[in-house]
N, C-alpha and C. Protein backbone atom coordinates (compact mmCIF):
# COMPACT_ATOMS: atom_id res chain seq x y z
N UNK A 1 -11.59 21.34 16.66
CA UNK A 1 -11.61 19.92 16.98
C UNK A 1 -10.97 19.17 15.81
N UNK A 2 -9.84 18.47 16.02
CA UNK A 2 -9.15 17.78 14.93
C UNK A 2 -9.80 16.44 14.59
N UNK A 3 -9.51 15.94 13.39
CA UNK A 3 -9.97 14.60 13.02
C UNK A 3 -9.17 13.59 13.84
N UNK A 4 -9.70 12.37 13.96
CA UNK A 4 -9.05 11.35 14.78
C UNK A 4 -8.41 10.23 13.99
N UNK A 5 -8.52 10.26 12.67
CA UNK A 5 -7.91 9.23 11.84
C UNK A 5 -8.56 9.19 10.48
N UNK A 6 -8.05 8.34 9.64
CA UNK A 6 -8.62 8.15 8.30
C UNK A 6 -9.72 7.12 8.42
N UNK A 7 -10.91 7.48 8.00
CA UNK A 7 -12.06 6.59 8.10
C UNK A 7 -12.26 5.72 6.88
N UNK A 8 -11.63 6.05 5.77
CA UNK A 8 -11.78 5.24 4.56
C UNK A 8 -10.97 5.82 3.42
N UNK A 9 -10.73 4.97 2.45
CA UNK A 9 -10.09 5.38 1.20
C UNK A 9 -10.98 4.84 0.09
N UNK A 10 -11.41 5.72 -0.79
CA UNK A 10 -12.35 5.34 -1.84
C UNK A 10 -11.73 5.67 -3.19
N UNK A 11 -11.82 4.74 -4.12
CA UNK A 11 -11.25 4.97 -5.44
C UNK A 11 -12.04 4.23 -6.50
N UNK A 12 -11.95 4.71 -7.71
CA UNK A 12 -12.66 4.10 -8.84
C UNK A 12 -11.96 2.82 -9.28
N UNK A 13 -12.76 1.86 -9.76
CA UNK A 13 -12.19 0.61 -10.26
C UNK A 13 -13.02 0.13 -11.45
N UNK A 14 -12.35 -0.48 -12.41
CA UNK A 14 -13.04 -1.05 -13.56
C UNK A 14 -13.86 -2.26 -13.15
N UNK A 15 -13.32 -3.07 -12.24
CA UNK A 15 -14.00 -4.28 -11.75
C UNK A 15 -13.86 -4.32 -10.23
N UNK A 16 -14.71 -3.59 -9.51
CA UNK A 16 -14.58 -3.50 -8.06
C UNK A 16 -14.57 -4.85 -7.33
N UNK A 17 -15.39 -5.79 -7.74
CA UNK A 17 -15.45 -7.08 -7.04
C UNK A 17 -14.15 -7.85 -7.20
N UNK A 18 -13.60 -7.88 -8.42
CA UNK A 18 -12.33 -8.57 -8.65
C UNK A 18 -11.20 -7.90 -7.87
N UNK A 19 -11.20 -6.57 -7.83
CA UNK A 19 -10.15 -5.85 -7.12
C UNK A 19 -10.24 -6.09 -5.61
N UNK A 20 -11.46 -6.11 -5.07
CA UNK A 20 -11.63 -6.41 -3.65
C UNK A 20 -11.08 -7.80 -3.33
N UNK A 21 -11.36 -8.76 -4.19
CA UNK A 21 -10.88 -10.13 -3.96
C UNK A 21 -9.35 -10.18 -4.01
N UNK A 22 -8.73 -9.46 -4.95
CA UNK A 22 -7.26 -9.44 -5.07
C UNK A 22 -6.64 -8.85 -3.81
N UNK A 23 -7.15 -7.71 -3.31
CA UNK A 23 -6.59 -7.09 -2.11
C UNK A 23 -6.71 -8.02 -0.91
N UNK A 24 -7.83 -8.72 -0.80
CA UNK A 24 -8.01 -9.63 0.33
C UNK A 24 -7.06 -10.82 0.22
N UNK A 25 -6.94 -11.40 -0.97
CA UNK A 25 -6.09 -12.58 -1.15
C UNK A 25 -4.61 -12.27 -0.96
N UNK A 26 -4.12 -11.21 -1.57
CA UNK A 26 -2.69 -10.96 -1.59
C UNK A 26 -2.18 -10.03 -0.49
N UNK A 27 -3.03 -9.16 0.04
CA UNK A 27 -2.58 -8.22 1.07
C UNK A 27 -3.31 -8.40 2.39
N UNK A 28 -4.35 -9.22 2.42
CA UNK A 28 -5.10 -9.43 3.65
C UNK A 28 -5.99 -8.26 4.02
N UNK A 29 -6.28 -7.40 3.05
CA UNK A 29 -7.10 -6.22 3.29
C UNK A 29 -8.51 -6.52 2.83
N UNK A 30 -9.42 -6.65 3.78
CA UNK A 30 -10.82 -6.91 3.45
C UNK A 30 -11.50 -5.59 3.10
N UNK A 31 -12.18 -5.57 1.98
CA UNK A 31 -12.94 -4.39 1.55
C UNK A 31 -14.40 -4.80 1.51
N UNK A 32 -14.97 -4.97 2.70
CA UNK A 32 -16.33 -5.48 2.81
C UNK A 32 -17.32 -4.42 3.26
N UNK A 33 -17.18 -3.23 2.73
CA UNK A 33 -18.13 -2.17 3.03
C UNK A 33 -18.20 -1.81 4.49
N UNK A 34 -19.36 -2.04 5.09
CA UNK A 34 -19.54 -1.64 6.48
C UNK A 34 -19.08 -2.68 7.47
N UNK A 35 -18.36 -3.70 7.03
CA UNK A 35 -17.65 -4.63 7.91
C UNK A 35 -16.17 -4.40 7.62
N UNK A 36 -15.63 -3.27 8.08
CA UNK A 36 -14.32 -2.82 7.62
C UNK A 36 -13.15 -3.63 8.15
N UNK A 37 -12.08 -3.54 7.41
CA UNK A 37 -10.78 -4.08 7.79
C UNK A 37 -10.28 -3.28 8.98
N UNK A 38 -9.77 -3.96 9.98
CA UNK A 38 -9.25 -3.29 11.17
C UNK A 38 -7.73 -3.26 11.10
N UNK A 39 -7.18 -2.06 11.00
CA UNK A 39 -5.73 -1.96 10.93
C UNK A 39 -5.13 -1.89 12.32
N UNK A 40 -3.86 -2.25 12.42
CA UNK A 40 -3.15 -2.13 13.69
C UNK A 40 -2.79 -0.67 13.92
N UNK A 41 -2.68 -0.30 15.18
CA UNK A 41 -2.24 1.05 15.51
C UNK A 41 -0.81 1.25 15.03
N UNK A 42 -0.53 2.42 14.57
CA UNK A 42 0.81 2.74 14.09
C UNK A 42 0.79 4.01 13.29
N UNK A 43 1.93 4.41 12.79
CA UNK A 43 2.00 5.67 12.06
C UNK A 43 1.26 5.62 10.73
N UNK A 44 0.62 6.73 10.39
CA UNK A 44 -0.02 6.90 9.09
C UNK A 44 0.47 8.22 8.53
N UNK A 45 1.08 8.17 7.37
CA UNK A 45 1.57 9.38 6.72
C UNK A 45 0.51 9.85 5.74
N UNK A 46 0.10 11.08 5.87
CA UNK A 46 -0.88 11.69 4.98
C UNK A 46 -0.21 12.94 4.43
N UNK A 47 0.22 12.88 3.15
CA UNK A 47 1.03 13.96 2.64
C UNK A 47 0.87 14.12 1.14
N UNK A 48 0.65 15.35 0.68
CA UNK A 48 0.64 15.59 -0.75
C UNK A 48 2.06 15.52 -1.31
N UNK A 49 2.16 15.11 -2.56
CA UNK A 49 3.44 15.09 -3.27
C UNK A 49 3.40 16.15 -4.36
N UNK A 50 4.56 16.57 -4.81
CA UNK A 50 4.59 17.56 -5.88
C UNK A 50 3.98 16.97 -7.14
N UNK A 51 3.45 17.83 -7.99
CA UNK A 51 2.77 17.38 -9.21
C UNK A 51 3.70 16.61 -10.13
N UNK A 52 5.01 16.82 -10.03
CA UNK A 52 5.95 16.14 -10.92
C UNK A 52 6.70 15.00 -10.23
N UNK A 53 6.17 14.49 -9.12
CA UNK A 53 6.84 13.40 -8.41
C UNK A 53 6.97 12.17 -9.31
N UNK A 54 8.05 11.41 -9.09
CA UNK A 54 8.19 10.13 -9.78
C UNK A 54 7.89 8.98 -8.82
N UNK A 55 7.34 9.31 -7.67
CA UNK A 55 7.01 8.30 -6.67
C UNK A 55 5.89 7.37 -7.16
N UNK A 56 5.00 7.91 -8.01
CA UNK A 56 3.96 7.07 -8.62
C UNK A 56 3.63 7.68 -9.98
N UNK A 57 2.96 6.91 -10.87
CA UNK A 57 2.74 7.35 -12.24
C UNK A 57 2.00 8.68 -12.35
N UNK A 58 2.38 9.47 -13.33
CA UNK A 58 1.79 10.79 -13.53
C UNK A 58 0.29 10.71 -13.80
N UNK A 59 -0.17 9.61 -14.37
CA UNK A 59 -1.60 9.46 -14.68
C UNK A 59 -2.44 9.15 -13.44
N UNK A 60 -1.80 8.87 -12.32
CA UNK A 60 -2.51 8.53 -11.08
C UNK A 60 -2.42 9.70 -10.11
N UNK A 61 -3.48 9.92 -9.38
CA UNK A 61 -3.52 11.01 -8.43
C UNK A 61 -3.20 10.57 -7.00
N UNK A 62 -3.04 9.28 -6.78
CA UNK A 62 -2.81 8.78 -5.45
C UNK A 62 -2.03 7.47 -5.48
N UNK A 63 -1.51 7.07 -4.33
CA UNK A 63 -0.85 5.78 -4.18
C UNK A 63 -1.12 5.32 -2.75
N UNK A 64 -1.49 4.08 -2.59
CA UNK A 64 -1.66 3.51 -1.25
C UNK A 64 -0.32 3.05 -0.72
N UNK A 65 -0.12 3.25 0.56
CA UNK A 65 1.06 2.78 1.26
C UNK A 65 0.55 1.96 2.43
N UNK A 66 0.96 0.69 2.49
CA UNK A 66 0.54 -0.18 3.59
C UNK A 66 1.74 -0.50 4.48
N UNK A 67 1.52 -0.41 5.79
CA UNK A 67 2.53 -0.84 6.75
C UNK A 67 2.52 -2.36 6.81
N UNK A 68 3.72 -2.96 6.87
CA UNK A 68 3.84 -4.41 7.01
C UNK A 68 4.88 -4.71 8.09
N UNK A 69 4.80 -5.90 8.67
CA UNK A 69 5.75 -6.28 9.72
C UNK A 69 6.93 -7.08 9.19
N UNK A 70 6.76 -7.81 8.11
CA UNK A 70 7.81 -8.67 7.57
C UNK A 70 7.86 -8.47 6.05
N UNK A 71 8.49 -7.39 5.63
CA UNK A 71 8.51 -7.06 4.21
C UNK A 71 9.18 -8.16 3.38
N UNK A 72 10.27 -8.72 3.88
CA UNK A 72 10.96 -9.77 3.12
C UNK A 72 10.05 -10.98 2.92
N UNK A 73 9.34 -11.38 3.96
CA UNK A 73 8.42 -12.51 3.84
C UNK A 73 7.28 -12.21 2.89
N UNK A 74 6.75 -10.98 2.95
CA UNK A 74 5.66 -10.59 2.07
C UNK A 74 6.12 -10.56 0.62
N UNK A 75 7.33 -10.07 0.37
CA UNK A 75 7.85 -10.05 -1.00
C UNK A 75 7.96 -11.47 -1.56
N UNK A 76 8.40 -12.39 -0.73
CA UNK A 76 8.51 -13.79 -1.16
C UNK A 76 7.14 -14.35 -1.53
N UNK A 77 6.13 -14.09 -0.69
CA UNK A 77 4.78 -14.59 -0.95
C UNK A 77 4.19 -13.97 -2.22
N UNK A 78 4.38 -12.66 -2.39
CA UNK A 78 3.84 -11.99 -3.57
C UNK A 78 4.49 -12.51 -4.85
N UNK A 79 5.81 -12.66 -4.82
CA UNK A 79 6.50 -13.18 -6.01
C UNK A 79 6.05 -14.61 -6.32
N UNK A 80 5.84 -15.42 -5.29
CA UNK A 80 5.36 -16.79 -5.50
C UNK A 80 3.98 -16.80 -6.13
N UNK A 81 3.20 -15.73 -5.90
CA UNK A 81 1.87 -15.62 -6.50
C UNK A 81 1.92 -14.98 -7.89
N UNK A 82 3.13 -14.73 -8.38
CA UNK A 82 3.28 -14.16 -9.72
C UNK A 82 3.16 -12.64 -9.78
N UNK A 83 3.25 -11.98 -8.64
CA UNK A 83 3.14 -10.52 -8.59
C UNK A 83 4.55 -9.92 -8.62
N UNK A 84 4.77 -9.00 -9.54
CA UNK A 84 6.07 -8.34 -9.65
C UNK A 84 6.27 -7.41 -8.46
N UNK A 85 7.43 -7.53 -7.83
CA UNK A 85 7.78 -6.70 -6.69
C UNK A 85 9.03 -5.90 -7.06
N UNK A 86 8.96 -4.59 -6.90
CA UNK A 86 10.09 -3.72 -7.21
C UNK A 86 10.68 -3.18 -5.91
N UNK A 87 12.00 -3.26 -5.80
CA UNK A 87 12.70 -2.70 -4.65
C UNK A 87 13.87 -1.86 -5.16
N UNK A 88 14.40 -1.03 -4.29
CA UNK A 88 15.56 -0.22 -4.62
C UNK A 88 16.27 0.07 -3.30
N UNK A 89 17.53 -0.35 -3.17
CA UNK A 89 18.24 -0.12 -1.91
C UNK A 89 18.27 1.36 -1.50
N UNK A 90 18.18 2.26 -2.47
CA UNK A 90 18.20 3.69 -2.16
C UNK A 90 16.93 4.14 -1.43
N UNK A 91 15.84 3.37 -1.51
CA UNK A 91 14.60 3.73 -0.82
C UNK A 91 14.69 3.46 0.67
N UNK A 92 15.54 2.52 1.06
CA UNK A 92 15.58 2.04 2.44
C UNK A 92 16.62 2.81 3.27
N UNK A 93 16.18 3.27 4.44
CA UNK A 93 17.10 3.94 5.36
C UNK A 93 16.75 3.52 6.78
N UNK A 94 17.72 3.58 7.67
CA UNK A 94 17.42 3.26 9.08
C UNK A 94 16.37 4.19 9.67
N UNK A 95 16.30 5.43 9.17
CA UNK A 95 15.34 6.40 9.71
C UNK A 95 13.92 6.17 9.21
N UNK A 96 13.76 5.71 7.96
CA UNK A 96 12.42 5.58 7.39
C UNK A 96 11.95 4.14 7.26
N UNK A 97 12.86 3.18 7.22
CA UNK A 97 12.47 1.78 7.08
C UNK A 97 12.74 1.23 5.70
N UNK A 98 12.03 0.16 5.34
CA UNK A 98 12.23 -0.53 4.06
C UNK A 98 10.96 -0.43 3.23
N UNK A 99 11.14 -0.40 1.90
CA UNK A 99 10.03 -0.20 0.99
C UNK A 99 10.07 -1.17 -0.19
N UNK A 100 8.90 -1.45 -0.74
CA UNK A 100 8.77 -2.21 -1.99
C UNK A 100 7.52 -1.70 -2.69
N UNK A 101 7.49 -1.84 -4.00
CA UNK A 101 6.32 -1.43 -4.78
C UNK A 101 5.75 -2.63 -5.53
N UNK A 102 4.43 -2.69 -5.59
CA UNK A 102 3.72 -3.64 -6.42
C UNK A 102 2.61 -2.87 -7.12
N UNK A 103 1.91 -3.53 -8.03
CA UNK A 103 0.74 -2.94 -8.69
C UNK A 103 -0.43 -3.89 -8.56
N UNK A 104 -1.61 -3.33 -8.33
CA UNK A 104 -2.80 -4.17 -8.32
C UNK A 104 -3.21 -4.47 -9.77
N UNK A 105 -4.19 -5.33 -9.98
CA UNK A 105 -4.56 -5.72 -11.35
C UNK A 105 -5.02 -4.55 -12.24
N UNK A 106 -5.38 -3.41 -11.64
CA UNK A 106 -5.80 -2.26 -12.45
C UNK A 106 -4.69 -1.24 -12.62
N UNK A 107 -3.46 -1.62 -12.23
CA UNK A 107 -2.31 -0.76 -12.46
C UNK A 107 -2.04 0.28 -11.40
N UNK A 108 -2.75 0.23 -10.27
CA UNK A 108 -2.50 1.18 -9.19
C UNK A 108 -1.25 0.75 -8.43
N UNK A 109 -0.30 1.67 -8.27
CA UNK A 109 0.91 1.35 -7.52
C UNK A 109 0.58 1.30 -6.03
N UNK A 110 1.13 0.29 -5.37
CA UNK A 110 0.98 0.11 -3.94
C UNK A 110 2.37 0.08 -3.35
N UNK A 111 2.59 0.88 -2.33
CA UNK A 111 3.86 0.88 -1.64
C UNK A 111 3.72 0.09 -0.36
N UNK A 112 4.62 -0.85 -0.14
CA UNK A 112 4.67 -1.63 1.08
C UNK A 112 5.80 -1.07 1.92
N UNK A 113 5.52 -0.81 3.18
CA UNK A 113 6.47 -0.13 4.05
C UNK A 113 6.63 -0.87 5.36
N UNK A 114 7.86 -1.25 5.66
CA UNK A 114 8.19 -1.81 6.97
C UNK A 114 8.89 -0.71 7.76
N UNK A 115 8.17 -0.07 8.70
CA UNK A 115 8.78 1.01 9.47
C UNK A 115 9.99 0.51 10.24
N UNK A 116 10.89 1.42 10.58
CA UNK A 116 12.04 1.01 11.37
C UNK A 116 11.63 0.55 12.77
N UNK A 117 12.39 -0.35 13.32
CA UNK A 117 12.13 -0.82 14.68
C UNK A 117 12.53 0.28 15.64
N UNK A 118 11.64 0.59 16.55
CA UNK A 118 11.92 1.69 17.49
C UNK A 118 12.63 1.21 18.71
């Protein structure tokens, strides 16, 4: 019997309350315990990376990737809020979509992904 989806992502934080507030304000992701954020249906990639990947910092064991519908609009909003947004034209392809990276206040890299239009 296979699993039916990801039920949660749990990670350590120096200041959990401040981090929850940041995710809600800037990404719209509510981290309210048993009143969970409801994501839209769509693809979820669950994949290990090689130990020497440069996709995220060597000191981190994971990276969150969030699907977004309007990456350009989100980048504008994040930059207006003083959040550094990194892009690279080499990351974007018609087959995989468009990508951007940001960091939360505790230095965790977050990948924003606008999947290609089907």
